[in-house]
Structure formats: C-alpha cells, structure tokens
Amino acid sequence: MEFPKFSDLPSTTFFNVEAIAVEIWPKPGRSRRIFSGDDQFFTGITTRTIEINHEANPYPQLCVVRALVMAAKLQWKIGPRLLVYLGEHGDTMSPKDFEAIQEKHYERILWPGSYFEKAMKEVRRAIERRETEAVELSLPGQLTLWPEDEVYHQRIHLRTLKAATSSKNKK
C-alpha cells in the first residue's frame, strides 16, 4: 500500500484556486517547495477563473454555494467544467437552501437567495449557449446593507433627550 504524499495534496481539492500546498519546514539548506499539481492554481490566478480541480466531493450543494460566493467576492469568471457542475447541482437547490448552506458554512448569510436565482439563470443561459470558455457572471461585487429588491423601511429610530435645566439658569 502506497501512502499519499504531501505533494499530492493539491490534486485533492475541489477548486483550482485551492490546489496548492507549501512546505512549511524545509530541510536545512533547502528553500520551501511549492506543490501545485499541474499548475491549475497558477492558471486560475492568472486568468482570474474558478474551475474544478477534482470533482469528487461529498457536498455538491456546498460546492455550488462556495463557487458563487467566491466568484462574487473575487469578481472572477467561472470555468466551463464548473459551469456545467453548477447547472447540474444548483438546479437541485432553492434560494432557501442557498441561504441555509451559507449560514451553516459561514455562520451568516453573505448573499440572499435572490442573488442565487439570478446567478442560476445566467448559468443556465451560458450552458444553453454551450460556452467552452470561462464565463463572467454578473454577481454583486460588494455586499449591500439590505437586499436591493426589498422595499425600504425605516431602520433607525433616533430619540433625543432634552437636558434638564436648573432653576439657576432661568432668570
């Protein structure tokens, strides 16, 4: 039985942008080694594209959420293999699932379910066009204070207190 090597670690990650490992304690006299498999990590960085590195994953819905959150935060493109994956596994999810998975994984909701619906429409359109190149989804790049499609309601109530005046000040 052959044991896995540290240099094999990058080939086990789901995303290309996670497919890197750095030797922390090199042998004396040697510099740190960087392991990136077939350089998918560096290709992703230079092309600003998130793509599948190793598809086998027990949590496909979490991968969908992480892909969309990462693409939105970084403002990066989605690679063609990941696009198909999002279409297959994202279609099994509802906007509420999208929010619940975020809450469990990130301990808060980063993007409301309405963004998931918009992103999945774009994913489906790109799949219908049979895109073979990376696709830029129009995802929000910055978090909003409250969802854009929500009707504005006053959120702050200010109350002022009038300072009591003493009888000395009254003349």
N, C-alpha and C. Protein backbone atom coordinates (compact mmCIF):
# COMPACT_ATOMS: atom_id res chain seq x y z
N MET A 1 0.84 -1.18 0.00
CA MET A 1 0.00 0.00 0.00
C MET A 1 0.89 1.25 0.00
N GLU A 2 0.61 2.13 -0.93
CA GLU A 2 1.39 3.37 -1.02
C GLU A 2 0.65 4.48 -0.28
N PHE A 3 1.36 5.16 0.57
CA PHE A 3 0.77 6.26 1.34
C PHE A 3 0.78 7.54 0.52
N PRO A 4 -0.23 8.38 0.68
CA PRO A 4 -0.26 9.65 -0.06
C PRO A 4 0.93 10.53 0.35
N LYS A 5 1.39 11.30 -0.58
CA LYS A 5 2.49 12.23 -0.33
C LYS A 5 1.95 13.64 -0.20
N PHE A 6 2.67 14.46 0.52
CA PHE A 6 2.29 15.86 0.69
C PHE A 6 2.16 16.53 -0.67
N SER A 7 2.99 16.18 -1.59
CA SER A 7 2.96 16.78 -2.93
C SER A 7 1.69 16.43 -3.70
N ASP A 8 0.95 15.38 -3.24
CA ASP A 8 -0.31 15.00 -3.88
C ASP A 8 -1.49 15.82 -3.37
N LEU A 9 -1.32 16.54 -2.28
CA LEU A 9 -2.42 17.27 -1.66
C LEU A 9 -3.16 18.20 -2.63
N PRO A 10 -2.48 18.98 -3.46
CA PRO A 10 -3.21 19.88 -4.38
C PRO A 10 -4.16 19.16 -5.34
N SER A 11 -3.92 17.91 -5.63
CA SER A 11 -4.81 17.19 -6.56
C SER A 11 -6.10 16.75 -5.89
N THR A 12 -6.26 16.98 -4.59
CA THR A 12 -7.45 16.53 -3.87
C THR A 12 -8.49 17.62 -3.65
N THR A 13 -8.19 18.87 -3.95
CA THR A 13 -9.12 19.96 -3.67
C THR A 13 -10.16 20.08 -4.77
N PHE A 14 -11.32 20.57 -4.41
CA PHE A 14 -12.38 20.72 -5.40
C PHE A 14 -12.08 21.86 -6.38
N PHE A 15 -11.64 23.00 -5.87
CA PHE A 15 -11.40 24.17 -6.72
C PHE A 15 -9.92 24.30 -7.11
N ASN A 16 -9.69 24.82 -8.30
CA ASN A 16 -8.32 25.07 -8.75
C ASN A 16 -7.60 26.10 -7.87
N VAL A 17 -8.34 27.07 -7.36
CA VAL A 17 -7.71 28.13 -6.56
C VAL A 17 -7.32 27.66 -5.16
N GLU A 18 -7.64 26.42 -4.84
CA GLU A 18 -7.21 25.83 -3.58
C GLU A 18 -6.15 24.75 -3.80
N ALA A 19 -5.78 24.52 -5.03
CA ALA A 19 -4.88 23.43 -5.40
C ALA A 19 -3.42 23.82 -5.26
N ILE A 20 -3.03 24.12 -4.04
CA ILE A 20 -1.64 24.49 -3.78
C ILE A 20 -1.28 24.07 -2.36
N ALA A 21 -0.04 23.69 -2.18
CA ALA A 21 0.49 23.35 -0.86
C ALA A 21 1.92 23.87 -0.80
N VAL A 22 2.28 24.42 0.35
CA VAL A 22 3.62 24.97 0.52
C VAL A 22 4.29 24.27 1.69
N GLU A 23 5.49 23.84 1.48
CA GLU A 23 6.27 23.19 2.53
C GLU A 23 6.62 24.24 3.59
N ILE A 24 6.20 24.00 4.82
CA ILE A 24 6.45 24.99 5.88
C ILE A 24 7.83 24.82 6.49
N TRP A 25 8.24 23.60 6.74
CA TRP A 25 9.55 23.35 7.35
C TRP A 25 10.44 22.58 6.38
N PRO A 26 11.12 23.32 5.50
CA PRO A 26 12.01 22.63 4.56
C PRO A 26 13.23 22.07 5.30
N LYS A 27 13.87 21.13 4.68
CA LYS A 27 15.09 20.57 5.25
C LYS A 27 16.15 21.67 5.30
N PRO A 28 17.03 21.62 6.28
CA PRO A 28 18.07 22.66 6.39
C PRO A 28 18.85 22.81 5.08
N GLY A 29 19.04 24.06 4.68
CA GLY A 29 19.78 24.35 3.46
C GLY A 29 18.93 24.34 2.19
N ARG A 30 17.65 24.01 2.31
CA ARG A 30 16.77 23.98 1.14
C ARG A 30 15.70 25.04 1.27
N SER A 31 15.26 25.56 0.17
CA SER A 31 14.17 26.53 0.20
C SER A 31 12.83 25.77 0.23
N ARG A 32 11.80 26.48 0.60
CA ARG A 32 10.46 25.86 0.64
C ARG A 32 10.05 25.42 -0.76
N ARG A 33 9.37 24.29 -0.82
CA ARG A 33 8.85 23.82 -2.11
C ARG A 33 7.37 24.16 -2.18
N ILE A 34 6.93 24.47 -3.39
CA ILE A 34 5.52 24.75 -3.66
C ILE A 34 5.01 23.65 -4.57
N PHE A 35 3.90 23.05 -4.16
CA PHE A 35 3.29 21.97 -4.93
C PHE A 35 1.96 22.47 -5.46
N SER A 36 1.80 22.40 -6.76
CA SER A 36 0.55 22.86 -7.36
C SER A 36 0.06 21.90 -8.44
N GLY A 37 0.44 20.66 -8.33
CA GLY A 37 -0.02 19.66 -9.31
C GLY A 37 0.33 20.08 -10.72
N ASP A 38 -0.68 20.22 -11.54
CA ASP A 38 -0.45 20.62 -12.93
C ASP A 38 -0.63 22.13 -13.11
N ASP A 39 -0.35 22.88 -12.07
CA ASP A 39 -0.38 24.35 -12.08
C ASP A 39 -1.77 24.95 -12.29
N GLN A 40 -2.81 24.19 -11.97
CA GLN A 40 -4.15 24.76 -12.08
C GLN A 40 -4.31 25.98 -11.17
N PHE A 41 -3.66 25.95 -10.02
CA PHE A 41 -3.74 27.10 -9.11
C PHE A 41 -3.24 28.36 -9.80
N PHE A 42 -2.05 28.29 -10.38
CA PHE A 42 -1.46 29.47 -11.01
C PHE A 42 -2.23 29.89 -12.27
N THR A 43 -2.75 28.92 -13.01
CA THR A 43 -3.58 29.24 -14.17
C THR A 43 -4.83 29.99 -13.72
N GLY A 44 -5.45 29.52 -12.66
CA GLY A 44 -6.64 30.19 -12.12
C GLY A 44 -6.35 31.61 -11.69
N ILE A 45 -5.23 31.80 -11.03
CA ILE A 45 -4.85 33.14 -10.56
C ILE A 45 -4.60 34.07 -11.75
N THR A 46 -3.85 33.61 -12.71
CA THR A 46 -3.50 34.50 -13.83
C THR A 46 -4.69 34.80 -14.75
N THR A 47 -5.63 33.84 -14.86
CA THR A 47 -6.79 34.07 -15.72
C THR A 47 -8.00 34.56 -14.93
N ARG A 48 -7.86 34.62 -13.61
CA ARG A 48 -8.96 35.04 -12.72
C ARG A 48 -10.20 34.19 -12.97
N THR A 49 -9.96 32.86 -12.95
CA THR A 49 -11.03 31.89 -13.25
C THR A 49 -11.08 30.82 -12.16
N ILE A 50 -12.29 30.56 -11.68
CA ILE A 50 -12.51 29.46 -10.74
C ILE A 50 -12.98 28.27 -11.55
N GLU A 51 -12.32 27.14 -11.34
CA GLU A 51 -12.63 25.94 -12.12
C GLU A 51 -12.54 24.73 -11.21
N ILE A 52 -13.07 23.62 -11.65
CA ILE A 52 -12.99 22.37 -10.90
C ILE A 52 -11.59 21.81 -11.05
N ASN A 53 -11.03 21.41 -9.93
CA ASN A 53 -9.74 20.74 -9.90
C ASN A 53 -9.94 19.23 -9.78
N HIS A 54 -10.74 18.83 -8.78
CA HIS A 54 -11.04 17.41 -8.53
C HIS A 54 -12.52 17.32 -8.18
N GLU A 55 -13.31 16.75 -9.08
CA GLU A 55 -14.77 16.83 -8.97
C GLU A 55 -15.38 16.01 -7.84
N ALA A 56 -14.80 14.91 -7.48
CA ALA A 56 -15.38 14.06 -6.44
C ALA A 56 -15.49 14.85 -5.14
N ASN A 57 -16.71 14.97 -4.64
CA ASN A 57 -16.94 15.74 -3.42
C ASN A 57 -18.26 15.28 -2.81
N PRO A 58 -18.26 15.04 -1.50
CA PRO A 58 -19.50 14.57 -0.86
C PRO A 58 -20.54 15.66 -0.63
N TYR A 59 -20.19 16.92 -0.87
CA TYR A 59 -21.10 18.04 -0.59
C TYR A 59 -21.27 18.94 -1.81
N PRO A 60 -21.95 18.45 -2.85
CA PRO A 60 -22.06 19.25 -4.08
C PRO A 60 -22.79 20.58 -3.89
N GLN A 61 -23.80 20.63 -3.02
CA GLN A 61 -24.51 21.89 -2.83
C GLN A 61 -23.62 22.92 -2.14
N LEU A 62 -22.78 22.48 -1.23
CA LEU A 62 -21.82 23.39 -0.60
C LEU A 62 -20.83 23.91 -1.65
N CYS A 63 -20.44 23.07 -2.57
CA CYS A 63 -19.53 23.50 -3.64
C CYS A 63 -20.19 24.56 -4.51
N VAL A 64 -21.50 24.41 -4.76
CA VAL A 64 -22.23 25.41 -5.55
C VAL A 64 -22.21 26.75 -4.81
N VAL A 65 -22.52 26.71 -3.53
CA VAL A 65 -22.54 27.94 -2.73
C VAL A 65 -21.16 28.57 -2.70
N ARG A 66 -20.14 27.78 -2.40
CA ARG A 66 -18.78 28.32 -2.32
C ARG A 66 -18.31 28.90 -3.65
N ALA A 67 -18.67 28.25 -4.76
CA ALA A 67 -18.28 28.75 -6.08
C ALA A 67 -18.89 30.11 -6.34
N LEU A 68 -20.18 30.25 -6.07
CA LEU A 68 -20.85 31.53 -6.34
C LEU A 68 -20.38 32.63 -5.39
N VAL A 69 -20.19 32.30 -4.13
CA VAL A 69 -19.70 33.29 -3.17
C VAL A 69 -18.28 33.73 -3.54
N MET A 70 -17.43 32.76 -3.87
CA MET A 70 -16.05 33.08 -4.24
C MET A 70 -15.99 33.92 -5.51
N ALA A 71 -16.77 33.54 -6.51
CA ALA A 71 -16.79 34.28 -7.78
C ALA A 71 -17.26 35.71 -7.54
N ALA A 72 -18.25 35.88 -6.68
CA ALA A 72 -18.77 37.22 -6.40
C ALA A 72 -17.75 38.05 -5.63
N LYS A 73 -17.16 37.46 -4.61
CA LYS A 73 -16.20 38.21 -3.79
C LYS A 73 -14.97 38.61 -4.60
N LEU A 74 -14.47 37.68 -5.39
CA LEU A 74 -13.24 37.95 -6.16
C LEU A 74 -13.51 38.64 -7.49
N GLN A 75 -14.79 38.60 -7.94
CA GLN A 75 -15.15 39.10 -9.27
C GLN A 75 -14.37 38.33 -10.35
N TRP A 76 -14.38 37.01 -10.22
CA TRP A 76 -13.69 36.12 -11.15
C TRP A 76 -14.70 35.39 -12.01
N LYS A 77 -14.19 34.81 -13.10
CA LYS A 77 -15.01 34.05 -14.03
C LYS A 77 -15.18 32.61 -13.53
N ILE A 78 -16.17 31.94 -14.10
CA ILE A 78 -16.45 30.53 -13.82
C ILE A 78 -15.99 29.72 -15.02
N GLY A 79 -15.16 28.72 -14.78
CA GLY A 79 -14.67 27.87 -15.86
C GLY A 79 -15.77 26.98 -16.43
N PRO A 80 -15.58 26.45 -17.65
CA PRO A 80 -16.63 25.67 -18.31
C PRO A 80 -17.04 24.41 -17.56
N ARG A 81 -16.11 23.70 -16.95
CA ARG A 81 -16.47 22.49 -16.19
C ARG A 81 -17.28 22.86 -14.95
N LEU A 82 -16.88 23.92 -14.27
CA LEU A 82 -17.61 24.36 -13.08
C LEU A 82 -18.99 24.87 -13.47
N LEU A 83 -19.09 25.50 -14.61
CA LEU A 83 -20.38 25.99 -15.10
C LEU A 83 -21.38 24.83 -15.24
N VAL A 84 -20.95 23.74 -15.85
CA VAL A 84 -21.80 22.56 -16.01
C VAL A 84 -22.16 21.98 -14.63
N TYR A 85 -21.18 21.92 -13.74
CA TYR A 85 -21.40 21.42 -12.38
C TYR A 85 -22.45 22.27 -11.66
N LEU A 86 -22.32 23.59 -11.78
CA LEU A 86 -23.30 24.49 -11.16
C LEU A 86 -24.69 24.24 -11.73
N GLY A 87 -24.78 24.02 -13.04
CA GLY A 87 -26.07 23.73 -13.65
C GLY A 87 -26.68 22.45 -13.13
N GLU A 88 -25.87 21.41 -13.00
CA GLU A 88 -26.37 20.11 -12.54
C GLU A 88 -26.79 20.16 -11.07
N HIS A 89 -25.94 20.69 -10.22
CA HIS A 89 -26.19 20.64 -8.78
C HIS A 89 -26.95 21.86 -8.26
N GLY A 90 -26.79 22.99 -8.91
CA GLY A 90 -27.52 24.18 -8.49
C GLY A 90 -29.00 24.07 -8.76
N ASP A 91 -29.36 23.31 -9.79
CA ASP A 91 -30.78 23.13 -10.12
C ASP A 91 -31.52 22.30 -9.07
N THR A 92 -30.78 21.62 -8.20
CA THR A 92 -31.42 20.84 -7.14
C THR A 92 -31.67 21.68 -5.89
N MET A 93 -31.26 22.95 -5.94
CA MET A 93 -31.33 23.81 -4.76
C MET A 93 -32.37 24.91 -4.92
N SER A 94 -32.87 25.37 -3.79
CA SER A 94 -33.78 26.51 -3.76
C SER A 94 -33.01 27.71 -3.18
N PRO A 95 -33.54 28.91 -3.33
CA PRO A 95 -32.90 30.07 -2.69
C PRO A 95 -32.77 29.90 -1.17
N LYS A 96 -33.74 29.23 -0.56
CA LYS A 96 -33.67 28.98 0.89
C LYS A 96 -32.52 28.02 1.22
N ASP A 97 -32.32 27.01 0.37
CA ASP A 97 -31.18 26.10 0.55
C ASP A 97 -29.87 26.89 0.47
N PHE A 98 -29.78 27.77 -0.51
CA PHE A 98 -28.59 28.60 -0.71
C PHE A 98 -28.28 29.39 0.56
N GLU A 99 -29.29 29.98 1.15
CA GLU A 99 -29.10 30.76 2.38
C GLU A 99 -28.76 29.86 3.56
N ALA A 100 -29.44 28.73 3.69
CA ALA A 100 -29.20 27.83 4.82
C ALA A 100 -27.78 27.26 4.79
N ILE A 101 -27.31 26.91 3.61
CA ILE A 101 -25.94 26.37 3.49
C ILE A 101 -24.92 27.44 3.84
N GLN A 102 -25.16 28.66 3.41
CA GLN A 102 -24.25 29.76 3.78
C GLN A 102 -24.22 29.94 5.30
N GLU A 103 -25.40 29.93 5.90
CA GLU A 103 -25.49 30.15 7.34
C GLU A 103 -24.73 29.06 8.10
N LYS A 104 -24.85 27.83 7.63
CA LYS A 104 -24.16 26.73 8.29
C LYS A 104 -22.64 26.80 8.06
N HIS A 105 -22.24 27.11 6.83
CA HIS A 105 -20.80 27.08 6.49
C HIS A 105 -20.07 28.36 6.94
N TYR A 106 -20.67 29.51 6.69
CA TYR A 106 -20.02 30.79 7.00
C TYR A 106 -20.52 31.42 8.31
N GLU A 107 -21.53 30.79 8.91
CA GLU A 107 -22.17 31.29 10.13
C GLU A 107 -22.91 32.60 9.92
N ARG A 108 -23.23 32.90 8.68
CA ARG A 108 -24.06 34.05 8.32
C ARG A 108 -24.41 33.96 6.84
N ILE A 109 -25.42 34.69 6.45
CA ILE A 109 -25.82 34.72 5.04
C ILE A 109 -25.08 35.86 4.36
N LEU A 110 -24.24 35.52 3.42
CA LEU A 110 -23.47 36.53 2.70
C LEU A 110 -24.26 37.11 1.53
N TRP A 111 -25.00 36.23 0.83
CA TRP A 111 -25.77 36.64 -0.34
C TRP A 111 -27.19 36.10 -0.19
N PRO A 112 -28.19 36.94 -0.39
CA PRO A 112 -29.57 36.46 -0.28
C PRO A 112 -29.93 35.51 -1.42
N GLY A 113 -30.97 34.74 -1.20
CA GLY A 113 -31.42 33.77 -2.19
C GLY A 113 -31.74 34.38 -3.54
N SER A 114 -32.13 35.67 -3.56
CA SER A 114 -32.45 36.32 -4.85
C SER A 114 -31.21 36.39 -5.75
N TYR A 115 -30.02 36.52 -5.18
CA TYR A 115 -28.80 36.52 -5.98
C TYR A 115 -28.54 35.13 -6.56
N PHE A 116 -28.86 34.10 -5.78
CA PHE A 116 -28.71 32.73 -6.26
C PHE A 116 -29.58 32.51 -7.49
N GLU A 117 -30.83 32.96 -7.42
CA GLU A 117 -31.74 32.80 -8.55
C GLU A 117 -31.20 33.51 -9.79
N LYS A 118 -30.70 34.73 -9.64
CA LYS A 118 -30.15 35.47 -10.77
C LYS A 118 -28.92 34.76 -11.34
N ALA A 119 -28.05 34.28 -10.46
CA ALA A 119 -26.84 33.60 -10.90
C ALA A 119 -27.19 32.32 -11.66
N MET A 120 -28.15 31.56 -11.15
CA MET A 120 -28.52 30.31 -11.81
C MET A 120 -29.17 30.55 -13.17
N LYS A 121 -29.89 31.66 -13.33
CA LYS A 121 -30.43 31.99 -14.66
C LYS A 121 -29.29 32.22 -15.64
N GLU A 122 -28.26 32.92 -15.19
CA GLU A 122 -27.11 33.17 -16.06
C GLU A 122 -26.35 31.89 -16.37
N VAL A 123 -26.23 31.02 -15.37
CA VAL A 123 -25.57 29.73 -15.57
C VAL A 123 -26.32 28.93 -16.64
N ARG A 124 -27.64 28.85 -16.52
CA ARG A 124 -28.44 28.10 -17.49
C ARG A 124 -28.30 28.68 -18.89
N ARG A 125 -28.30 30.02 -19.00
CA ARG A 125 -28.14 30.66 -20.32
C ARG A 125 -26.78 30.31 -20.93
N ALA A 126 -25.74 30.35 -20.11
CA ALA A 126 -24.39 30.04 -20.61
C ALA A 126 -24.30 28.58 -21.06
N ILE A 127 -24.95 27.70 -20.32
CA ILE A 127 -24.96 26.27 -20.70
C ILE A 127 -25.72 26.08 -22.01
N GLU A 128 -26.84 26.78 -22.17
CA GLU A 128 -27.62 26.70 -23.42
C GLU A 128 -26.80 27.19 -24.61
N ARG A 129 -25.94 28.20 -24.37
CA ARG A 129 -25.07 28.72 -25.45
C ARG A 129 -23.88 27.80 -25.70
N ARG A 130 -23.75 26.76 -24.89
CA ARG A 130 -22.66 25.79 -24.98
C ARG A 130 -21.29 26.48 -24.88
N GLU A 131 -21.17 27.31 -23.86
CA GLU A 131 -19.92 28.03 -23.63
C GLU A 131 -18.76 27.06 -23.42
N THR A 132 -17.66 27.31 -24.08
CA THR A 132 -16.47 26.48 -23.89
C THR A 132 -15.35 27.27 -23.22
N GLU A 133 -15.58 28.54 -23.01
CA GLU A 133 -14.61 29.40 -22.33
C GLU A 133 -15.18 29.80 -20.97
N ALA A 134 -14.34 30.37 -20.13
CA ALA A 134 -14.79 30.85 -18.82
C ALA A 134 -15.83 31.96 -19.01
N VAL A 135 -16.78 31.99 -18.10
CA VAL A 135 -17.90 32.93 -18.19
C VAL A 135 -17.91 33.83 -16.96
N GLU A 136 -18.12 35.11 -17.20
CA GLU A 136 -18.24 36.05 -16.09
C GLU A 136 -19.73 36.23 -15.79
N LEU A 137 -20.11 35.86 -14.59
CA LEU A 137 -21.50 36.04 -14.17
C LEU A 137 -21.63 37.43 -13.56
N SER A 138 -22.74 38.07 -13.78
CA SER A 138 -22.91 39.40 -13.18
C SER A 138 -23.42 39.24 -11.76
N LEU A 139 -22.48 38.95 -10.89
CA LEU A 139 -22.76 38.78 -9.47
C LEU A 139 -22.41 40.07 -8.75
N PRO A 140 -23.04 40.32 -7.62
CA PRO A 140 -22.70 41.53 -6.88
C PRO A 140 -21.27 41.46 -6.38
N GLY A 141 -20.56 42.56 -6.50
CA GLY A 141 -19.17 42.58 -6.07
C GLY A 141 -18.99 43.06 -4.65
N GLN A 142 -19.99 43.67 -4.13
CA GLN A 142 -19.87 44.23 -2.80
C GLN A 142 -21.17 43.95 -2.07
N LEU A 143 -21.05 43.64 -0.82
CA LEU A 143 -22.25 43.36 -0.04
C LEU A 143 -23.07 44.63 0.12
N THR A 144 -24.36 44.47 0.07
CA THR A 144 -25.24 45.61 0.27
C THR A 144 -25.72 45.61 1.72
N LEU A 145 -26.18 46.75 2.18
CA LEU A 145 -26.65 46.83 3.55
C LEU A 145 -27.96 46.08 3.73
N TRP A 146 -28.79 46.07 2.69
CA TRP A 146 -30.01 45.27 2.66
C TRP A 146 -30.30 44.95 1.21
N PRO A 147 -31.02 43.87 0.96
CA PRO A 147 -31.25 43.45 -0.42
C PRO A 147 -31.88 44.56 -1.27
N GLU A 148 -31.42 44.64 -2.52
CA GLU A 148 -31.91 45.68 -3.42
C GLU A 148 -33.38 45.53 -3.75
N ASP A 149 -33.88 44.30 -3.77
CA ASP A 149 -35.27 44.10 -4.13
C ASP A 149 -36.22 44.22 -2.93
N GLU A 150 -35.68 44.55 -1.78
CA GLU A 150 -36.51 44.72 -0.59
C GLU A 150 -37.03 46.15 -0.53
N VAL A 151 -38.27 46.30 -0.17
CA VAL A 151 -38.85 47.62 -0.02
C VAL A 151 -38.21 48.28 1.19
N TYR A 152 -37.81 49.52 1.02
CA TYR A 152 -37.12 50.22 2.11
C TYR A 152 -38.10 50.52 3.24
N HIS A 153 -37.67 50.21 4.41
CA HIS A 153 -38.40 50.55 5.63
C HIS A 153 -37.44 51.28 6.54
N GLN A 154 -37.93 52.21 7.29
CA GLN A 154 -37.06 52.93 8.21
C GLN A 154 -36.43 51.93 9.16
N ARG A 155 -35.14 51.99 9.32
CA ARG A 155 -34.42 51.02 10.14
C ARG A 155 -33.85 51.62 11.42
N ILE A 156 -33.80 52.93 11.51
CA ILE A 156 -33.21 53.57 12.68
C ILE A 156 -34.24 54.52 13.28
N HIS A 157 -34.39 54.44 14.56
CA HIS A 157 -35.26 55.35 15.29
C HIS A 157 -34.36 56.16 16.22
N LEU A 158 -34.30 57.45 16.02
CA LEU A 158 -33.50 58.32 16.88
C LEU A 158 -34.40 59.04 17.87
N ARG A 159 -33.95 59.07 19.06
CA ARG A 159 -34.67 59.83 20.08
C ARG A 159 -33.69 60.77 20.73
N THR A 160 -34.11 61.97 20.94
CA THR A 160 -33.24 62.92 21.62
C THR A 160 -33.84 63.25 22.97
N LEU A 161 -32.98 63.44 23.88
CA LEU A 161 -33.41 63.80 25.23
C LEU A 161 -33.02 65.24 25.47
N LYS A 162 -33.92 65.97 26.00
CA LYS A 162 -33.64 67.37 26.31
C LYS A 162 -33.04 67.40 27.70
N ALA A 163 -31.91 68.07 27.80
CA ALA A 163 -31.25 68.15 29.10
C ALA A 163 -32.10 68.99 30.05
N ALA A 164 -32.20 68.55 31.28
CA ALA A 164 -32.96 69.30 32.29
C ALA A 164 -32.21 70.58 32.62
N THR A 165 -32.92 71.66 32.72
CA THR A 165 -32.28 72.93 33.07
C THR A 165 -32.52 73.20 34.55
N SER A 166 -31.50 73.75 35.17
CA SER A 166 -31.65 74.05 36.60
C SER A 166 -32.28 75.42 36.78
N SER A 167 -32.82 75.64 37.96
CA SER A 167 -33.50 76.92 38.22
C SER A 167 -32.53 78.09 38.24
N LYS A 168 -31.23 77.83 38.46
CA LYS A 168 -30.23 78.92 38.45
C LYS A 168 -30.08 79.51 37.08
N ASN A 169 -30.19 78.65 36.05
CA ASN A 169 -30.02 79.12 34.68
C ASN A 169 -31.20 79.92 34.20
N LYS A 170 -32.35 79.82 34.89
CA LYS A 170 -33.56 80.54 34.47
C LYS A 170 -33.56 81.92 35.13
N LYS A 171 -33.64 82.98 34.46
CA LYS A 171 -33.72 84.32 35.02
C LYS A 171 -34.75 85.12 34.35
